[in-house]
Amino acid sequence: MKIGELARAAGSNNETIRFYERIGLLPRPVRTDSNYRDYSPRDIERLAFIRHARGLGFELDDIRSLIDLAEEPDQDCAAADAIASRHLAAVQDKLLRLEGLRDELRRMVRACRGGQLSDCRILEALGDHSRCDPGHAPFASGPPRAS
């Protein structure tokens, strides 16, 4: 099947497929005589695996490791468990940080419901972190980003 067919079958797009090929998550397909990429049903499975793992927030290096593990099904699954457990811990940490962020934003919004900007508690809190709730820790390198 051609790249467009693979993209449709896996709910992806051509550029994503080419990217995954360049970084080695998808094997480079054989080429037809007319130089088209020729994909197999196994490529659909691999791409679906990658997309599902990405949807769950796994990093590309972890996905690569999981793919490598899947290539040897007779192994103990401890390595896969370790990767998933590490990712779960990171997700739980992000959730705690996001809950703290949500709570602080709620507090700021409740403290400022109208009036003059010169008395705006939101602008005050954003300009001076000491005006935030003590339980709210600033993000050292910005807010958490979705993975």
Foldseek 3Di string as FASTA:
>chain_A
DFQCVLCVLQVHDSVVVVVCCVVVLAPFADADPVGTGDDDVVSSVSSNQVVVCVVVQQDPVLSSVVVVCVVPVVDDCVVVVVSVVVVVVVVVVLVVLVVLVVVQVVVQCVVADDDDPVPRSNVVCVVPVVSTDPVRDADPVDRDDGD
